Amino acid sequence: MGGAYDLVAFDPRGVGGSAKARCGFEEGDRRLVTLRSWPAADGGIGENVARSRRMAEACARNGGAMVRGLTTANQARDLDRLRQALGERKVSAWAVSYGTYVAAVYAQKFPERTDRWVLDSSADPDPKRVARGWLAGMARGAEDRFPDFADWAAREGRLAERPEDVRPLFLGLAARLDREPRATTTPGVPLTGTVLRQALQQALYSDASFRASPV
């Protein structure tokens, strides 16, 4: 950036080195594959609804003031405190994922303190629609990115001879694992079709992750 900017990062509330809430979730509820609320193999969502209720009740019971303080508005206020600590009149930011929501709220609350703003992967900021919008955006992003993975997977015959053969191969393997999960090196965590789908979704974030994907 030619010395035009000082690059500063921080751990938001509940993340990394910042203080964390302790809701006392069951171990199975903490896994990403369940937090993303994939439907069951038959398309049912009953288990997801029960899990969401169980987790909400655990946070209400055990989370205390820490959980109540993990709000987007407070994250925006934290960002402004960081600006003050840096002695800057205005702040520029590059935000991704949930950070785009925080950055949008910051710009609304403190427009006079907002300089250059880059929101990568932004979504509808309406609190009633934001979570659904993120999931829809992830689905669209995975669909847009899959051809890149298919090209890589067909290169040198890694998984298939042609890129167009990779999708049916992957979907067939996921369906088979839905019917017959395989054991893994983690006790009590079988490799299911949903675990495979989640692993691929994570791998689609960058080309460098393709090699680490389990397919």
C-alpha atoms as a PDB file:
ATOM      1  CA  MET A   1       0.000   0.000   0.000  1.00  0.00           C
ATOM      2  CA  GLY A   2       3.027   2.238  -0.353  1.00  0.00           C
ATOM      3  CA  GLY A   3       3.006   3.259   3.300  1.00  0.00           C
ATOM      4  CA  ALA A   4      -0.350   5.006   2.977  1.00  0.00           C
ATOM      5  CA  TYR A   5      -1.942   2.904   5.728  1.00  0.00           C
ATOM      6  CA  ASP A   6      -1.026   1.419   9.076  1.00  0.00           C
ATOM      7  CA  LEU A   7      -2.552  -2.084   9.138  1.00  0.00           C
ATOM      8  CA  VAL A   8      -4.173  -2.848  12.500  1.00  0.00           C
ATOM      9  CA  ALA A   9      -6.215  -5.922  13.445  1.00  0.00           C
ATOM     10  CA  PHE A  10      -8.009  -6.869  16.658  1.00  0.00           C
ATOM     11  CA  ASP A  11      -9.946  -9.792  18.125  1.00  0.00           C
ATOM     12  CA  PRO A  12     -13.641  -8.864  18.373  1.00  0.00           C
ATOM     13  CA  ARG A  13     -15.647  -9.768  21.442  1.00  0.00           C
ATOM     14  CA  GLY A  14     -15.875 -13.510  21.954  1.00  0.00           C
ATOM     15  CA  VAL A  15     -13.103 -14.265  19.423  1.00  0.00           C
ATOM     16  CA  GLY A  16      -9.418 -15.157  19.730  1.00  0.00           C
ATOM     17  CA  GLY A  17      -7.755 -13.464  22.694  1.00  0.00           C
ATOM     18  CA  SER A  18     -10.849 -11.474  23.696  1.00  0.00           C
ATOM     19  CA  ALA A  19     -13.105 -12.573  26.552  1.00  0.00           C
ATOM     20  CA  LYS A  20     -15.463 -15.392  25.604  1.00  0.00           C
ATOM     21  CA  ALA A  21     -18.928 -16.409  26.694  1.00  0.00           C
ATOM     22  CA  ARG A  22     -19.410 -19.808  28.315  1.00  0.00           C
ATOM     23  CA  CYS A  23     -22.832 -21.209  27.558  1.00  0.00           C
ATOM     24  CA  GLY A  24     -21.960 -24.788  28.439  1.00  0.00           C
ATOM     25  CA  PHE A  25     -22.923 -26.331  25.097  1.00  0.00           C
ATOM     26  CA  GLU A  26     -22.901 -30.058  24.664  1.00  0.00           C
ATOM     27  CA  GLU A  27     -19.800 -31.176  22.759  1.00  0.00           C
ATOM     28  CA  GLY A  28     -21.788 -32.274  19.700  1.00  0.00           C
ATOM     29  CA  ASP A  29     -23.466 -28.876  19.468  1.00  0.00           C
ATOM     30  CA  ARG A  30     -20.108 -27.088  19.165  1.00  0.00           C
ATOM     31  CA  ARG A  31     -19.111 -28.629  15.839  1.00  0.00           C
ATOM     32  CA  LEU A  32     -19.287 -26.445  12.737  1.00  0.00           C
ATOM     33  CA  VAL A  33     -21.256 -29.072  10.854  1.00  0.00           C
ATOM     34  CA  THR A  34     -24.082 -28.724  13.387  1.00  0.00           C
ATOM     35  CA  LEU A  35     -23.794 -24.957  13.840  1.00  0.00           C
ATOM     36  CA  ARG A  36     -24.389 -24.550  10.094  1.00  0.00           C
ATOM     37  CA  SER A  37     -27.699 -26.411  10.494  1.00  0.00           C
ATOM     38  CA  TRP A  38     -27.514 -28.748   7.535  1.00  0.00           C
ATOM     39  CA  PRO A  39     -30.788 -30.671   7.088  1.00  0.00           C
ATOM     40  CA  ALA A  40     -30.917 -34.368   7.834  1.00  0.00           C
ATOM     41  CA  ALA A  41     -30.365 -36.869   5.023  1.00  0.00           C
ATOM     42  CA  ASP A  42     -34.158 -37.057   4.513  1.00  0.00           C
ATOM     43  CA  GLY A  43     -34.444 -33.249   4.386  1.00  0.00           C
ATOM     44  CA  GLY A  44     -35.905 -32.920   7.867  1.00  0.00           C
ATOM     45  CA  ILE A  45     -35.001 -30.011  10.167  1.00  0.00           C
ATOM     46  CA  GLY A  46     -36.488 -31.305  13.427  1.00  0.00           C
ATOM     47  CA  GLU A  47     -33.063 -32.017  14.900  1.00  0.00           C
ATOM     48  CA  ASN A  48     -31.847 -28.530  13.947  1.00  0.00           C
ATOM     49  CA  VAL A  49     -34.837 -26.894  15.662  1.00  0.00           C
ATOM     50  CA  ALA A  50     -34.289 -28.927  18.826  1.00  0.00           C
ATOM     51  CA  ARG A  51     -30.569 -28.094  18.815  1.00  0.00           C
ATOM     52  CA  SER A  52     -31.189 -24.365  18.343  1.00  0.00           C
ATOM     53  CA  ARG A  53     -33.647 -24.354  21.232  1.00  0.00           C
ATOM     54  CA  ARG A  54     -31.228 -26.315  23.415  1.00  0.00           C
ATOM     55  CA  MET A  55     -28.365 -23.913  22.677  1.00  0.00           C
ATOM     56  CA  ALA A  56     -30.499 -20.811  23.244  1.00  0.00           C
ATOM     57  CA  GLU A  57     -31.636 -22.169  26.592  1.00  0.00           C
ATOM     58  CA  ALA A  58     -28.032 -22.978  27.560  1.00  0.00           C
ATOM     59  CA  CYS A  59     -26.905 -19.410  26.797  1.00  0.00           C
ATOM     60  CA  ALA A  60     -29.870 -17.935  28.674  1.00  0.00           C
ATOM     61  CA  ARG A  61     -29.027 -20.139  31.651  1.00  0.00           C
ATOM     62  CA  ASN A  62     -25.233 -19.845  31.685  1.00  0.00           C
ATOM     63  CA  GLY A  63     -24.123 -16.959  29.460  1.00  0.00           C
ATOM     64  CA  GLY A  64     -24.895 -14.056  31.772  1.00  0.00           C
ATOM     65  CA  ALA A  65     -23.851 -10.502  30.955  1.00  0.00           C
ATOM     66  CA  MET A  66     -21.097 -11.673  28.615  1.00  0.00           C
ATOM     67  CA  VAL A  67     -23.540 -13.215  26.146  1.00  0.00           C
ATOM     68  CA  ARG A  68     -25.851 -10.214  26.377  1.00  0.00           C
ATOM     69  CA  GLY A  69     -22.903  -7.985  25.500  1.00  0.00           C
ATOM     70  CA  LEU A  70     -22.028  -9.865  22.292  1.00  0.00           C
ATOM     71  CA  THR A  71     -24.037  -7.593  20.028  1.00  0.00           C
ATOM     72  CA  THR A  72     -23.256  -6.059  16.677  1.00  0.00           C
ATOM     73  CA  ALA A  73     -23.867  -2.580  18.077  1.00  0.00           C
ATOM     74  CA  ASN A  74     -21.267  -3.206  20.784  1.00  0.00           C
ATOM     75  CA  GLN A  75     -18.814  -4.539  18.211  1.00  0.00           C
ATOM     76  CA  ALA A  76     -19.212  -1.264  16.303  1.00  0.00           C
ATOM     77  CA  ARG A  77     -18.610   0.705  19.506  1.00  0.00           C
ATOM     78  CA  ASP A  78     -15.488  -1.384  20.152  1.00  0.00           C
ATOM     79  CA  LEU A  79     -14.212  -0.470  16.692  1.00  0.00           C
ATOM     80  CA  ASP A  80     -14.696   3.188  17.494  1.00  0.00           C
ATOM     81  CA  ARG A  81     -12.789   2.760  20.764  1.00  0.00           C
ATOM     82  CA  LEU A  82      -9.970   1.246  18.724  1.00  0.00           C
ATOM     83  CA  ARG A  83     -10.061   4.306  16.472  1.00  0.00           C
ATOM     84  CA  GLN A  84      -9.778   6.533  19.519  1.00  0.00           C
ATOM     85  CA  ALA A  85      -6.886   4.494  20.934  1.00  0.00           C
ATOM     86  CA  LEU A  86      -5.049   4.905  17.637  1.00  0.00           C
ATOM     87  CA  GLY A  87      -5.566   8.654  17.760  1.00  0.00           C
ATOM     88  CA  GLU A  88      -7.270   8.724  14.363  1.00  0.00           C
ATOM     89  CA  ARG A  89     -10.017  11.143  13.363  1.00  0.00           C
ATOM     90  CA  LYS A  90     -11.368   8.665  10.819  1.00  0.00           C
ATOM     91  CA  VAL A  91     -10.827   4.957  10.242  1.00  0.00           C
ATOM     92  CA  SER A  92     -10.665   2.895   7.052  1.00  0.00           C
ATOM     93  CA  ALA A  93     -11.482  -0.809   7.126  1.00  0.00           C
ATOM     94  CA  TRP A  94     -11.589  -3.984   5.092  1.00  0.00           C
ATOM     95  CA  ALA A  95     -14.286  -6.296   6.431  1.00  0.00           C
ATOM     96  CA  VAL A  96     -15.268  -9.839   5.470  1.00  0.00           C
ATOM     97  CA  SER A  97     -18.048 -12.235   6.476  1.00  0.00           C
ATOM     98  CA  TYR A  98     -19.775 -11.092   9.712  1.00  0.00           C
ATOM     99  CA  GLY A  99     -17.315  -8.208   9.804  1.00  0.00           C
ATOM    100  CA  THR A 100     -19.188  -6.619   6.902  1.00  0.00           C
ATOM    101  CA  TYR A 101     -22.289  -6.399   9.095  1.00  0.00           C
ATOM    102  CA  VAL A 102     -20.288  -4.777  11.916  1.00  0.00           C
ATOM    103  CA  ALA A 103     -18.677  -2.351   9.477  1.00  0.00           C
ATOM    104  CA  ALA A 104     -22.045  -1.407   7.959  1.00  0.00           C
ATOM    105  CA  VAL A 105     -23.460  -0.703  11.415  1.00  0.00           C
ATOM    106  CA  TYR A 106     -20.354   1.340  12.292  1.00  0.00           C
ATOM    107  CA  ALA A 107     -20.775   3.460   9.169  1.00  0.00           C
ATOM    108  CA  GLN A 108     -24.420   4.072  10.107  1.00  0.00           C
ATOM    109  CA  LYS A 109     -23.639   4.962  13.724  1.00  0.00           C
ATOM    110  CA  PHE A 110     -20.472   6.985  13.053  1.00  0.00           C
ATOM    111  CA  PRO A 111     -20.614   8.284   9.459  1.00  0.00           C
ATOM    112  CA  GLU A 112     -18.402  11.279  10.276  1.00  0.00           C
ATOM    113  CA  ARG A 113     -15.646   8.893  11.478  1.00  0.00           C
ATOM    114  CA  THR A 114     -15.805   6.531   8.503  1.00  0.00           C
ATOM    115  CA  ASP A 115     -13.173   6.922   5.781  1.00  0.00           C
ATOM    116  CA  ARG A 116     -12.535   4.283   3.085  1.00  0.00           C
ATOM    117  CA  TRP A 117     -14.673   1.188   3.633  1.00  0.00           C
ATOM    118  CA  VAL A 118     -14.411  -2.155   1.787  1.00  0.00           C
ATOM    119  CA  LEU A 119     -17.157  -4.673   2.581  1.00  0.00           C
ATOM    120  CA  ASP A 120     -16.309  -8.094   1.142  1.00  0.00           C
ATOM    121  CA  SER A 121     -19.202 -10.611   1.116  1.00  0.00           C
ATOM    122  CA  SER A 122     -21.789  -8.165   2.394  1.00  0.00           C
ATOM    123  CA  ALA A 123     -25.443  -9.118   2.831  1.00  0.00           C
ATOM    124  CA  ASP A 124     -28.790  -7.585   3.757  1.00  0.00           C
ATOM    125  CA  PRO A 125     -28.158  -5.904   7.144  1.00  0.00           C
ATOM    126  CA  ASP A 126     -31.781  -6.203   8.305  1.00  0.00           C
ATOM    127  CA  PRO A 127     -31.494  -8.162  11.611  1.00  0.00           C
ATOM    128  CA  LYS A 128     -34.580 -10.176  10.694  1.00  0.00           C
ATOM    129  CA  ARG A 129     -33.036 -11.338   7.419  1.00  0.00           C
ATOM    130  CA  VAL A 130     -29.277 -11.256   7.918  1.00  0.00           C
ATOM    131  CA  ALA A 131     -28.771 -14.885   9.030  1.00  0.00           C
ATOM    132  CA  ARG A 132     -30.922 -16.279   6.208  1.00  0.00           C
ATOM    133  CA  GLY A 133     -29.123 -14.002   3.778  1.00  0.00           C
ATOM    134  CA  TRP A 134     -25.715 -15.312   4.878  1.00  0.00           C
ATOM    135  CA  LEU A 135     -26.789 -18.900   4.300  1.00  0.00           C
ATOM    136  CA  ALA A 136     -28.249 -18.055   0.902  1.00  0.00           C
ATOM    137  CA  GLY A 137     -25.063 -16.193   0.013  1.00  0.00           C
ATOM    138  CA  MET A 138     -22.905 -19.148   1.054  1.00  0.00           C
ATOM    139  CA  ALA A 139     -24.976 -21.433  -1.155  1.00  0.00           C
ATOM    140  CA  ARG A 140     -24.622 -19.066  -4.118  1.00  0.00           C
ATOM    141  CA  GLY A 141     -20.912 -18.685  -3.477  1.00  0.00           C
ATOM    142  CA  ALA A 142     -20.390 -22.453  -3.303  1.00  0.00           C
ATOM    143  CA  GLU A 143     -22.241 -22.886  -6.580  1.00  0.00           C
ATOM    144  CA  ASP A 144     -20.152 -20.181  -8.241  1.00  0.00           C
ATOM    145  CA  ARG A 145     -16.897 -21.641  -6.927  1.00  0.00           C
ATOM    146  CA  PHE A 146     -17.517 -25.329  -7.552  1.00  0.00           C
ATOM    147  CA  PRO A 147     -16.352 -25.197 -11.212  1.00  0.00           C
ATOM    148  CA  ASP A 148     -12.952 -24.004  -9.968  1.00  0.00           C
ATOM    149  CA  PHE A 149     -12.720 -26.994  -7.658  1.00  0.00           C
ATOM    150  CA  ALA A 150     -13.924 -29.313 -10.432  1.00  0.00           C
ATOM    151  CA  ASP A 151     -11.184 -28.047 -12.749  1.00  0.00           C
ATOM    152  CA  TRP A 152      -8.586 -28.674 -10.045  1.00  0.00           C
ATOM    153  CA  ALA A 153     -10.022 -32.091  -9.175  1.00  0.00           C
ATOM    154  CA  ALA A 154      -9.904 -33.227 -12.822  1.00  0.00           C
ATOM    155  CA  ARG A 155      -6.368 -31.959 -13.391  1.00  0.00           C
ATOM    156  CA  GLU A 156      -4.022 -34.909 -13.828  1.00  0.00           C
ATOM    157  CA  GLY A 157      -6.920 -37.218 -13.067  1.00  0.00           C
ATOM    158  CA  ARG A 158      -6.991 -36.417  -9.340  1.00  0.00           C
ATOM    159  CA  LEU A 159     -10.640 -37.429  -8.946  1.00  0.00           C
ATOM    160  CA  ALA A 160     -12.061 -37.633 -12.440  1.00  0.00           C
ATOM    161  CA  GLU A 161     -11.021 -37.403 -16.061  1.00  0.00           C
ATOM    162  CA  ARG A 162     -13.206 -34.388 -16.831  1.00  0.00           C
ATOM    163  CA  PRO A 163     -14.398 -31.432 -14.706  1.00  0.00           C
ATOM    164  CA  GLU A 164     -18.029 -32.218 -15.521  1.00  0.00           C
ATOM    165  CA  ASP A 165     -17.625 -35.628 -13.889  1.00  0.00           C
ATOM    166  CA  VAL A 166     -16.663 -34.197 -10.497  1.00  0.00           C
ATOM    167  CA  ARG A 167     -20.117 -32.988  -9.406  1.00  0.00           C
ATOM    168  CA  PRO A 168     -21.923 -36.334  -9.834  1.00  0.00           C
ATOM    169  CA  LEU A 169     -18.957 -38.083  -8.233  1.00  0.00           C
ATOM    170  CA  PHE A 170     -19.056 -35.791  -5.203  1.00  0.00           C
ATOM    171  CA  LEU A 171     -22.849 -35.889  -4.839  1.00  0.00           C
ATOM    172  CA  GLY A 172     -22.858 -39.667  -5.154  1.00  0.00           C
ATOM    173  CA  LEU A 173     -20.204 -40.028  -2.469  1.00  0.00           C
ATOM    174  CA  ALA A 174     -22.084 -37.678  -0.126  1.00  0.00           C
ATOM    175  CA  ALA A 175     -25.328 -39.615  -0.645  1.00  0.00           C
ATOM    176  CA  ARG A 176     -23.542 -42.885   0.069  1.00  0.00           C
ATOM    177  CA  LEU A 177     -22.087 -41.468   3.282  1.00  0.00           C
ATOM    178  CA  ASP A 178     -25.565 -40.302   4.290  1.00  0.00           C
ATOM    179  CA  ARG A 179     -26.672 -43.933   4.107  1.00  0.00           C
ATOM    180  CA  GLU A 180     -23.491 -45.489   5.446  1.00  0.00           C
ATOM    181  CA  PRO A 181     -21.311 -43.146   7.545  1.00  0.00           C
ATOM    182  CA  ARG A 182     -17.653 -44.097   7.848  1.00  0.00           C
ATOM    183  CA  ALA A 183     -15.565 -44.127  11.010  1.00  0.00           C
ATOM    184  CA  THR A 184     -12.969 -41.382  11.494  1.00  0.00           C
ATOM    185  CA  THR A 185      -9.984 -40.875  13.767  1.00  0.00           C
ATOM    186  CA  THR A 186     -12.195 -38.730  16.066  1.00  0.00           C
ATOM    187  CA  PRO A 187     -14.226 -40.964  18.411  1.00  0.00           C
ATOM    188  CA  GLY A 188     -17.956 -40.414  18.064  1.00  0.00           C
ATOM    189  CA  VAL A 189     -17.628 -38.253  14.956  1.00  0.00           C
ATOM    190  CA  PRO A 190     -18.378 -40.315  11.840  1.00  0.00           C
ATOM    191  CA  LEU A 191     -17.789 -39.109   8.291  1.00  0.00           C
ATOM    192  CA  THR A 192     -21.274 -38.430   6.993  1.00  0.00           C
ATOM    193  CA  GLY A 193     -22.463 -36.845   3.789  1.00  0.00           C
ATOM    194  CA  THR A 194     -23.048 -33.604   5.660  1.00  0.00           C
ATOM    195  CA  VAL A 195     -19.522 -33.595   7.103  1.00  0.00           C
ATOM    196  CA  LEU A 196     -18.186 -34.072   3.571  1.00  0.00           C
ATOM    197  CA  ARG A 197     -20.321 -31.223   2.241  1.00  0.00           C
ATOM    198  CA  GLN A 198     -19.200 -28.930   5.049  1.00  0.00           C
ATOM    199  CA  ALA A 199     -15.535 -29.797   4.452  1.00  0.00           C
ATOM    200  CA  LEU A 200     -15.858 -28.937   0.769  1.00  0.00           C
ATOM    201  CA  GLN A 201     -17.664 -25.687   1.530  1.00  0.00           C
ATOM    202  CA  GLN A 202     -14.770 -24.651   3.752  1.00  0.00           C
ATOM    203  CA  ALA A 203     -12.240 -25.664   1.093  1.00  0.00           C
ATOM    204  CA  LEU A 204     -13.969 -23.457  -1.495  1.00  0.00           C
ATOM    205  CA  TYR A 205     -12.839 -20.317   0.341  1.00  0.00           C
ATOM    206  CA  SER A 206      -9.462 -20.400  -1.412  1.00  0.00           C
ATOM    207  CA  ASP A 207      -7.678 -22.355  -4.135  1.00  0.00           C
ATOM    208  CA  ALA A 208      -4.920 -23.202  -1.657  1.00  0.00           C
ATOM    209  CA  SER A 209      -7.460 -25.136   0.422  1.00  0.00           C
ATOM    210  CA  PHE A 210      -8.381 -27.552  -2.368  1.00  0.00           C
ATOM    211  CA  ARG A 211      -5.437 -29.808  -1.633  1.00  0.00           C
ATOM    212  CA  ALA A 212      -6.417 -30.057   2.041  1.00  0.00           C
ATOM    213  CA  SER A 213     -10.031 -31.012   1.263  1.00  0.00           C
ATOM    214  CA  PRO A 214     -11.015 -34.639   1.939  1.00  0.00           C
ATOM    215  CA  VAL A 215     -12.280 -35.294  -1.591  1.00  0.00           C
END
